[in-house]
N, C-alpha and C. Protein backbone atom coordinates (compact mmCIF):
# COMPACT_ATOMS: atom_id res chain seq x y z
N VAL A 1 172.65 24.84 233.28
CA VAL A 1 171.47 24.98 234.11
C VAL A 1 171.90 25.42 235.51
N LEU A 2 171.33 26.53 235.93
CA LEU A 2 171.66 27.06 237.25
C LEU A 2 170.64 26.60 238.27
N GLY A 3 170.99 26.70 239.51
CA GLY A 3 170.09 26.38 240.60
C GLY A 3 170.56 27.14 241.83
N VAL A 4 169.77 27.10 242.88
CA VAL A 4 170.11 27.76 244.14
C VAL A 4 170.15 26.69 245.22
N PHE A 5 171.23 26.69 246.00
CA PHE A 5 171.42 25.67 247.03
C PHE A 5 171.56 26.32 248.40
N ALA A 6 171.07 25.64 249.42
CA ALA A 6 171.15 26.14 250.79
C ALA A 6 172.59 26.02 251.30
N LYS A 7 173.10 27.07 251.93
CA LYS A 7 174.42 27.03 252.56
C LYS A 7 174.33 26.48 253.97
N LYS A 8 173.18 26.72 254.62
CA LYS A 8 172.97 26.26 255.99
C LYS A 8 171.52 25.81 256.11
N VAL A 9 171.14 25.29 257.26
CA VAL A 9 169.76 24.86 257.48
C VAL A 9 168.83 26.07 257.35
N ILE A 10 167.75 25.88 256.61
CA ILE A 10 166.72 26.92 256.47
C ILE A 10 165.45 26.34 257.09
N GLN A 11 164.90 27.05 258.05
CA GLN A 11 163.72 26.58 258.77
C GLN A 11 162.47 26.61 257.90
N LYS A 12 161.52 25.73 258.22
CA LYS A 12 160.22 25.73 257.57
C LYS A 12 159.56 27.09 257.78
N ARG A 13 158.86 27.56 256.78
CA ARG A 13 158.13 28.84 256.76
C ARG A 13 159.03 30.07 256.68
N THR A 14 160.28 29.90 256.26
CA THR A 14 161.14 31.05 256.02
C THR A 14 160.70 31.71 254.72
N GLN A 15 160.55 33.03 254.76
CA GLN A 15 160.03 33.76 253.60
C GLN A 15 161.17 34.46 252.86
N PHE A 16 161.12 34.40 251.53
CA PHE A 16 162.08 35.09 250.67
C PHE A 16 161.32 35.99 249.71
N GLY A 17 161.90 37.15 249.44
CA GLY A 17 161.27 38.00 248.45
C GLY A 17 161.21 39.45 248.88
N PRO A 18 160.63 40.23 248.02
CA PRO A 18 159.87 39.82 246.85
C PRO A 18 160.76 39.45 245.66
N TYR A 19 160.19 38.68 244.76
CA TYR A 19 160.81 38.32 243.50
C TYR A 19 160.93 39.59 242.67
N VAL A 20 162.09 39.83 242.09
CA VAL A 20 162.30 41.04 241.30
C VAL A 20 162.27 40.68 239.82
N GLY A 21 161.48 41.43 239.07
CA GLY A 21 161.39 41.24 237.63
C GLY A 21 160.72 42.44 237.00
N GLN A 22 160.78 42.50 235.68
CA GLN A 22 160.12 43.58 234.96
C GLN A 22 158.67 43.19 234.70
N LEU A 23 157.75 44.13 234.93
CA LEU A 23 156.35 43.87 234.59
C LEU A 23 156.20 43.93 233.08
N SER A 24 155.57 42.90 232.52
CA SER A 24 155.43 42.81 231.07
C SER A 24 154.13 42.10 230.73
N THR A 25 153.56 42.45 229.59
CA THR A 25 152.34 41.76 229.15
C THR A 25 152.67 40.45 228.45
N LYS A 26 153.96 40.23 228.12
CA LYS A 26 154.38 38.94 227.54
C LYS A 26 155.81 38.64 227.98
N LEU A 27 156.14 37.36 227.96
CA LEU A 27 157.49 36.93 228.35
C LEU A 27 158.45 37.14 227.20
N THR A 28 159.67 37.63 227.50
CA THR A 28 160.68 37.77 226.45
C THR A 28 161.45 36.46 226.27
N ARG A 29 161.44 35.64 227.31
CA ARG A 29 162.17 34.37 227.24
C ARG A 29 161.42 33.33 228.06
N TYR A 30 161.27 32.14 227.50
CA TYR A 30 160.62 31.06 228.24
C TYR A 30 161.59 29.90 228.37
N ASP A 31 161.70 29.38 229.57
CA ASP A 31 162.54 28.23 229.86
C ASP A 31 161.70 27.30 230.73
N GLU A 32 161.45 26.09 230.24
CA GLU A 32 160.54 25.19 230.97
C GLU A 32 161.07 24.74 232.33
N SER A 33 162.34 25.02 232.63
CA SER A 33 162.86 24.66 233.95
C SER A 33 162.68 25.80 234.96
N ARG A 34 162.19 26.95 234.49
CA ARG A 34 162.01 28.10 235.37
C ARG A 34 160.53 28.40 235.58
N LEU A 35 160.25 28.99 236.70
CA LEU A 35 158.89 29.33 237.08
C LEU A 35 158.39 30.53 236.28
N VAL A 36 157.17 30.43 235.77
CA VAL A 36 156.52 31.57 235.14
C VAL A 36 155.68 32.24 236.23
N LEU A 37 155.87 33.53 236.40
CA LEU A 37 155.17 34.25 237.46
C LEU A 37 154.37 35.40 236.89
N GLN A 38 153.19 35.60 237.45
CA GLN A 38 152.35 36.73 237.08
C GLN A 38 151.86 37.40 238.35
N VAL A 39 151.55 38.69 238.23
CA VAL A 39 150.98 39.43 239.35
C VAL A 39 149.80 40.24 238.86
N LEU A 40 148.90 40.49 239.78
CA LEU A 40 147.76 41.36 239.53
C LEU A 40 148.14 42.71 240.12
N LYS A 41 148.29 43.72 239.26
CA LYS A 41 148.72 45.04 239.72
C LYS A 41 147.95 46.11 238.96
N ASP A 42 147.41 47.06 239.70
CA ASP A 42 146.66 48.18 239.11
C ASP A 42 145.58 47.69 238.15
N GLY A 43 144.92 46.60 238.51
CA GLY A 43 143.82 46.07 237.71
C GLY A 43 144.24 45.24 236.51
N GLY A 44 145.53 45.10 236.27
CA GLY A 44 146.01 44.31 235.13
C GLY A 44 146.80 43.10 235.57
N LYS A 45 146.89 42.10 234.71
CA LYS A 45 147.65 40.88 234.98
C LYS A 45 148.95 40.95 234.18
N TYR A 46 150.09 40.91 234.88
CA TYR A 46 151.39 41.07 234.24
C TYR A 46 152.32 39.91 234.57
N PHE A 47 153.20 39.59 233.62
CA PHE A 47 154.27 38.64 233.88
C PHE A 47 155.38 39.36 234.64
N LEU A 48 156.05 38.65 235.52
CA LEU A 48 157.29 39.13 236.12
C LEU A 48 158.40 38.54 235.27
N ASP A 49 158.90 39.32 234.35
CA ASP A 49 159.85 38.84 233.36
C ASP A 49 161.28 39.11 233.80
N THR A 50 162.16 38.13 233.62
CA THR A 50 163.58 38.28 233.93
C THR A 50 164.39 37.83 232.72
N PRO A 51 164.47 38.70 231.68
CA PRO A 51 165.18 38.31 230.46
C PRO A 51 166.68 38.13 230.66
N ASN A 52 167.25 38.76 231.70
CA ASN A 52 168.67 38.58 232.01
C ASN A 52 168.90 38.86 233.49
N GLU A 53 170.12 38.60 233.95
CA GLU A 53 170.45 38.73 235.38
C GLU A 53 170.27 40.15 235.92
N ASP A 54 170.42 41.15 235.07
CA ASP A 54 170.30 42.54 235.52
C ASP A 54 168.87 42.93 235.85
N CYS A 55 167.90 42.11 235.42
CA CYS A 55 166.48 42.44 235.61
C CYS A 55 165.86 41.74 236.81
N GLY A 56 166.63 40.93 237.53
CA GLY A 56 166.04 40.17 238.63
C GLY A 56 166.97 40.04 239.81
N ASN A 57 166.57 39.20 240.75
CA ASN A 57 167.42 38.91 241.90
C ASN A 57 167.71 37.40 241.91
N TRP A 58 168.31 36.90 242.97
CA TRP A 58 168.71 35.50 243.03
C TRP A 58 167.55 34.53 242.85
N MET A 59 166.33 34.99 243.16
CA MET A 59 165.16 34.11 243.08
C MET A 59 164.88 33.64 241.65
N MET A 60 165.37 34.38 240.66
CA MET A 60 165.14 33.98 239.28
C MET A 60 165.88 32.69 238.92
N PHE A 61 166.86 32.30 239.73
CA PHE A 61 167.64 31.10 239.46
C PHE A 61 167.08 29.84 240.15
N VAL A 62 166.04 30.00 240.94
CA VAL A 62 165.42 28.84 241.60
C VAL A 62 164.66 28.05 240.54
N ARG A 63 164.93 26.76 240.49
CA ARG A 63 164.30 25.92 239.46
C ARG A 63 162.99 25.33 239.94
N LEU A 64 162.19 24.88 238.96
CA LEU A 64 160.90 24.25 239.24
C LEU A 64 161.06 22.91 239.93
N ALA A 65 160.17 22.63 240.86
CA ALA A 65 160.08 21.28 241.43
C ALA A 65 159.33 20.42 240.42
N ARG A 66 159.82 19.22 240.16
CA ARG A 66 159.13 18.31 239.23
C ARG A 66 158.07 17.48 239.93
N ASN A 67 158.19 17.40 241.26
CA ASN A 67 157.21 16.63 242.03
C ASN A 67 157.20 17.17 243.46
N GLN A 68 156.24 16.71 244.23
CA GLN A 68 156.08 17.22 245.59
C GLN A 68 157.27 16.85 246.48
N GLU A 69 157.88 15.72 246.21
CA GLU A 69 159.01 15.27 247.03
C GLU A 69 160.19 16.23 246.96
N GLU A 70 160.49 16.77 245.77
CA GLU A 70 161.63 17.67 245.66
C GLU A 70 161.28 19.14 245.89
N GLN A 71 160.01 19.45 246.08
CA GLN A 71 159.59 20.82 246.34
C GLN A 71 160.02 21.27 247.73
N THR A 72 160.73 22.40 247.79
CA THR A 72 161.15 22.98 249.07
C THR A 72 160.53 24.35 249.31
N LEU A 73 160.04 24.98 248.25
CA LEU A 73 159.47 26.33 248.33
C LEU A 73 158.11 26.38 247.67
N VAL A 74 157.28 27.30 248.13
CA VAL A 74 156.00 27.56 247.50
C VAL A 74 155.99 29.04 247.10
N ALA A 75 155.52 29.33 245.88
CA ALA A 75 155.43 30.71 245.38
C ALA A 75 154.00 31.20 245.54
N TYR A 76 153.87 32.45 245.96
CA TYR A 76 152.54 33.03 246.13
C TYR A 76 152.62 34.53 245.95
N GLN A 77 151.47 35.13 245.65
CA GLN A 77 151.38 36.58 245.52
C GLN A 77 150.84 37.17 246.81
N HIS A 78 151.47 38.24 247.27
CA HIS A 78 151.02 38.95 248.47
C HIS A 78 151.15 40.44 248.21
N CYS A 79 150.02 41.14 248.25
CA CYS A 79 150.01 42.60 248.06
C CYS A 79 150.75 43.02 246.79
N GLY A 80 150.50 42.31 245.69
CA GLY A 80 151.07 42.67 244.40
C GLY A 80 152.51 42.24 244.16
N GLU A 81 153.09 41.47 245.08
CA GLU A 81 154.46 40.98 244.94
C GLU A 81 154.46 39.46 245.07
N VAL A 82 155.49 38.81 244.51
CA VAL A 82 155.61 37.35 244.61
C VAL A 82 156.71 37.02 245.61
N TYR A 83 156.40 36.10 246.51
CA TYR A 83 157.33 35.65 247.55
C TYR A 83 157.43 34.13 247.48
N PHE A 84 158.52 33.59 248.02
CA PHE A 84 158.69 32.16 248.20
C PHE A 84 158.75 31.90 249.70
N THR A 85 158.13 30.81 250.14
CA THR A 85 158.21 30.38 251.53
C THR A 85 158.58 28.90 251.56
N THR A 86 159.45 28.54 252.49
CA THR A 86 159.85 27.13 252.60
C THR A 86 158.69 26.31 253.14
N VAL A 87 158.52 25.12 252.59
CA VAL A 87 157.42 24.24 253.00
C VAL A 87 157.90 23.15 253.95
N LYS A 88 159.22 23.08 254.15
CA LYS A 88 159.81 22.10 255.06
C LYS A 88 161.21 22.59 255.41
N PRO A 89 161.81 22.06 256.47
CA PRO A 89 163.20 22.43 256.76
C PRO A 89 164.09 21.98 255.60
N ILE A 90 165.08 22.80 255.27
CA ILE A 90 165.97 22.51 254.15
C ILE A 90 167.39 22.34 254.69
N GLU A 91 167.99 21.23 254.39
CA GLU A 91 169.34 20.93 254.86
C GLU A 91 170.39 21.60 253.97
N PRO A 92 171.60 21.84 254.51
CA PRO A 92 172.66 22.42 253.70
C PRO A 92 172.92 21.59 252.45
N HIS A 93 173.28 22.26 251.37
CA HIS A 93 173.62 21.66 250.08
C HIS A 93 172.41 21.11 249.34
N THR A 94 171.20 21.39 249.82
CA THR A 94 169.98 20.95 249.15
C THR A 94 169.55 22.05 248.18
N GLU A 95 169.18 21.64 246.97
CA GLU A 95 168.72 22.63 245.99
C GLU A 95 167.32 23.12 246.36
N LEU A 96 167.13 24.44 246.28
CA LEU A 96 165.81 25.02 246.50
C LEU A 96 165.02 24.85 245.21
N LYS A 97 163.82 24.27 245.33
CA LYS A 97 162.96 24.08 244.17
C LYS A 97 161.56 24.53 244.53
N VAL A 98 160.91 25.18 243.61
CA VAL A 98 159.66 25.89 243.90
C VAL A 98 158.49 25.39 243.07
N TRP A 99 157.31 25.54 243.64
CA TRP A 99 156.05 25.34 242.92
C TRP A 99 155.03 26.32 243.47
N TYR A 100 153.92 26.49 242.76
CA TYR A 100 152.89 27.45 243.13
C TYR A 100 152.08 27.01 244.36
N ALA A 101 151.72 27.97 245.21
CA ALA A 101 150.73 27.74 246.28
C ALA A 101 149.39 27.49 245.60
N ALA A 102 148.48 26.82 246.28
CA ALA A 102 147.20 26.40 245.68
C ALA A 102 146.44 27.56 245.04
N ASP A 103 146.23 28.65 245.78
CA ASP A 103 145.49 29.79 245.23
C ASP A 103 146.23 30.45 244.08
N TYR A 104 147.55 30.52 244.18
CA TYR A 104 148.35 31.13 243.11
C TYR A 104 148.34 30.25 241.87
N ALA A 105 148.32 28.94 242.05
CA ALA A 105 148.23 28.01 240.91
C ALA A 105 146.94 28.25 240.13
N LYS A 106 145.84 28.46 240.85
CA LYS A 106 144.56 28.77 240.18
C LYS A 106 144.66 30.07 239.40
N PHE A 107 145.24 31.08 240.02
CA PHE A 107 145.43 32.38 239.37
C PHE A 107 146.29 32.23 238.11
N MET A 108 147.32 31.40 238.18
CA MET A 108 148.23 31.17 237.06
C MET A 108 147.68 30.19 236.04
N GLU A 109 146.54 29.57 236.35
CA GLU A 109 145.97 28.53 235.48
C GLU A 109 147.02 27.45 235.22
N ALA A 110 147.70 27.06 236.28
CA ALA A 110 148.83 26.13 236.18
C ALA A 110 148.42 24.73 235.74
N SER A 111 147.18 24.35 235.92
CA SER A 111 146.77 23.00 235.56
C SER A 111 146.85 22.76 234.05
N ALA A 112 146.95 23.82 233.26
CA ALA A 112 147.02 23.68 231.80
C ALA A 112 148.46 23.54 231.31
N VAL A 113 149.44 23.60 232.22
CA VAL A 113 150.85 23.57 231.84
C VAL A 113 151.44 22.20 232.14
N PHE A 114 152.37 21.77 231.30
CA PHE A 114 153.07 20.51 231.54
C PHE A 114 154.57 20.77 231.47
N ILE A 115 155.33 19.94 232.19
CA ILE A 115 156.78 20.02 232.11
C ILE A 115 157.31 18.67 231.64
N LYS A 116 158.51 18.67 231.06
CA LYS A 116 159.11 17.42 230.60
C LYS A 116 160.02 16.86 231.68
N GLU A 117 159.93 15.58 231.88
CA GLU A 117 160.81 14.89 232.83
C GLU A 117 161.41 13.72 232.07
N GLU A 118 162.69 13.82 231.79
CA GLU A 118 163.38 12.88 230.93
C GLU A 118 162.69 12.87 229.57
N SER A 119 162.24 11.72 229.06
CA SER A 119 161.62 11.70 227.74
C SER A 119 160.10 11.72 227.81
N ASP A 120 159.55 11.68 229.00
CA ASP A 120 158.09 11.65 229.16
C ASP A 120 157.56 13.03 229.50
N ILE A 121 156.29 13.23 229.20
CA ILE A 121 155.61 14.44 229.64
C ILE A 121 154.75 14.02 230.82
N CYS A 122 154.87 14.75 231.91
CA CYS A 122 154.11 14.40 233.10
C CYS A 122 153.32 15.61 233.56
N PRO A 123 152.22 15.38 234.26
CA PRO A 123 151.47 16.53 234.78
C PRO A 123 152.29 17.26 235.83
N LEU A 124 151.91 18.49 236.07
CA LEU A 124 152.61 19.29 237.07
C LEU A 124 152.53 18.62 238.43
N PRO A 125 153.53 18.87 239.28
CA PRO A 125 153.51 18.25 240.60
C PRO A 125 152.35 18.77 241.43
N PRO A 126 151.88 17.95 242.36
CA PRO A 126 150.82 18.44 243.23
C PRO A 126 151.32 19.59 244.08
N VAL A 127 150.46 20.51 244.36
CA VAL A 127 150.80 21.65 245.20
C VAL A 127 150.88 21.17 246.65
N ALA A 128 151.86 21.69 247.37
CA ALA A 128 152.04 21.28 248.77
C ALA A 128 150.78 21.56 249.57
N LYS A 129 150.42 20.62 250.42
CA LYS A 129 149.24 20.79 251.28
C LYS A 129 149.57 21.76 252.41
N GLU A 130 148.56 22.50 252.83
CA GLU A 130 148.73 23.42 253.95
C GLU A 130 149.01 22.61 255.22
N PRO A 131 149.90 23.09 256.08
CA PRO A 131 150.19 22.37 257.32
C PRO A 131 148.99 22.39 258.26
N VAL A 132 148.97 21.43 259.18
CA VAL A 132 147.88 21.33 260.14
C VAL A 132 147.99 22.43 261.20
N ASP A 133 149.22 22.76 261.62
CA ASP A 133 149.37 23.80 262.62
C ASP A 133 149.04 25.16 262.01
N PRO A 134 148.56 26.10 262.83
CA PRO A 134 148.06 27.37 262.29
C PRO A 134 149.18 28.29 261.81
N TRP A 135 148.82 29.16 260.88
CA TRP A 135 149.72 30.21 260.41
C TRP A 135 149.50 31.42 261.32
N ILE A 136 150.58 32.03 261.81
CA ILE A 136 150.49 33.12 262.78
C ILE A 136 150.98 34.42 262.16
N CYS A 137 150.18 35.47 262.30
CA CYS A 137 150.56 36.80 261.82
C CYS A 137 151.65 37.34 262.74
N SER A 138 152.78 37.72 262.17
CA SER A 138 153.89 38.23 262.97
C SER A 138 153.63 39.64 263.50
N SER A 139 152.66 40.34 262.93
CA SER A 139 152.35 41.70 263.39
C SER A 139 151.39 41.74 264.57
N CYS A 140 150.35 40.87 264.54
CA CYS A 140 149.33 40.96 265.60
C CYS A 140 149.07 39.63 266.31
N ARG A 141 149.78 38.57 265.89
CA ARG A 141 149.69 37.24 266.49
C ARG A 141 148.36 36.53 266.25
N SER A 142 147.50 37.03 265.34
CA SER A 142 146.28 36.31 264.97
C SER A 142 146.67 35.02 264.27
N THR A 143 145.86 33.97 264.40
CA THR A 143 146.16 32.69 263.75
C THR A 143 145.16 32.41 262.65
N PHE A 144 145.63 31.66 261.64
CA PHE A 144 144.81 31.34 260.47
C PHE A 144 145.03 29.88 260.08
N ALA A 145 143.98 29.25 259.60
CA ALA A 145 144.04 27.83 259.25
C ALA A 145 144.83 27.60 257.97
N THR A 146 144.84 28.57 257.06
CA THR A 146 145.56 28.40 255.80
C THR A 146 146.47 29.59 255.55
N PHE A 147 147.49 29.36 254.73
CA PHE A 147 148.41 30.43 254.38
C PHE A 147 147.69 31.51 253.58
N ALA A 148 146.76 31.12 252.72
CA ALA A 148 146.02 32.09 251.91
C ALA A 148 145.25 33.07 252.79
N LEU A 149 144.65 32.57 253.88
CA LEU A 149 143.93 33.46 254.80
C LEU A 149 144.89 34.42 255.50
N LEU A 150 146.05 33.92 255.94
CA LEU A 150 147.05 34.78 256.55
C LEU A 150 147.51 35.85 255.56
N GLU A 151 147.78 35.42 254.33
CA GLU A 151 148.23 36.33 253.28
C GLU A 151 147.23 37.47 253.07
N SER A 152 145.96 37.15 253.00
CA SER A 152 144.92 38.17 252.83
C SER A 152 144.89 39.11 254.04
N HIS A 153 144.98 38.54 255.23
CA HIS A 153 144.96 39.33 256.46
C HIS A 153 146.13 40.31 256.52
N GLN A 154 147.32 39.88 256.10
CA GLN A 154 148.51 40.71 256.26
C GLN A 154 148.48 41.99 255.45
N CYS A 155 147.60 42.08 254.47
CA CYS A 155 147.48 43.33 253.70
C CYS A 155 147.06 44.49 254.59
N ILE A 156 146.35 44.20 255.69
CA ILE A 156 145.93 45.29 256.58
C ILE A 156 147.11 45.90 257.33
N HIS A 157 148.21 45.16 257.44
CA HIS A 157 149.39 45.64 258.15
C HIS A 157 150.40 46.33 257.23
N LYS A 158 150.17 46.29 255.92
CA LYS A 158 151.16 46.77 254.96
C LYS A 158 151.60 48.21 255.21
N ASP A 159 150.67 49.10 255.52
CA ASP A 159 151.00 50.51 255.69
C ASP A 159 151.36 50.88 257.13
N ARG A 160 151.29 49.93 258.04
CA ARG A 160 151.60 50.20 259.45
C ARG A 160 153.09 50.02 259.71
N VAL A 161 153.61 50.81 260.61
CA VAL A 161 155.04 50.70 260.95
C VAL A 161 155.19 49.95 262.24
């Protein structure tokens, strides 16, 4: 079982991505310790499939968080790509573990999925709550109450240099 660990302190709200994978209508390999990702692209819903190391980047090795306490990253879709953002400061030698952002969890219909923890089956971990402090657009400095609102707003900056 592989995982990804921090070499140095990673600040809260650090963004990683995009996640690299092949667009597919079905998964070639399923592993319950790995995140299943889908994107909405060109009007269709596709899996981001990583059947082997040559088809993805380091993000494919980030394991699922089993609960909110061990979650360090949140996965979300932005402009047709999947990114991870840190939900808290991460200390060196800490494993990066990911779960879906609230809106992305709805898109993924994540509430219907279960993971195994030891010999028991437990419901998926709760999605990290949005922070109280505002999310700030790095392009125009506008502020937003939720990450989802910032994410939607940032699409207007995609084609600007």
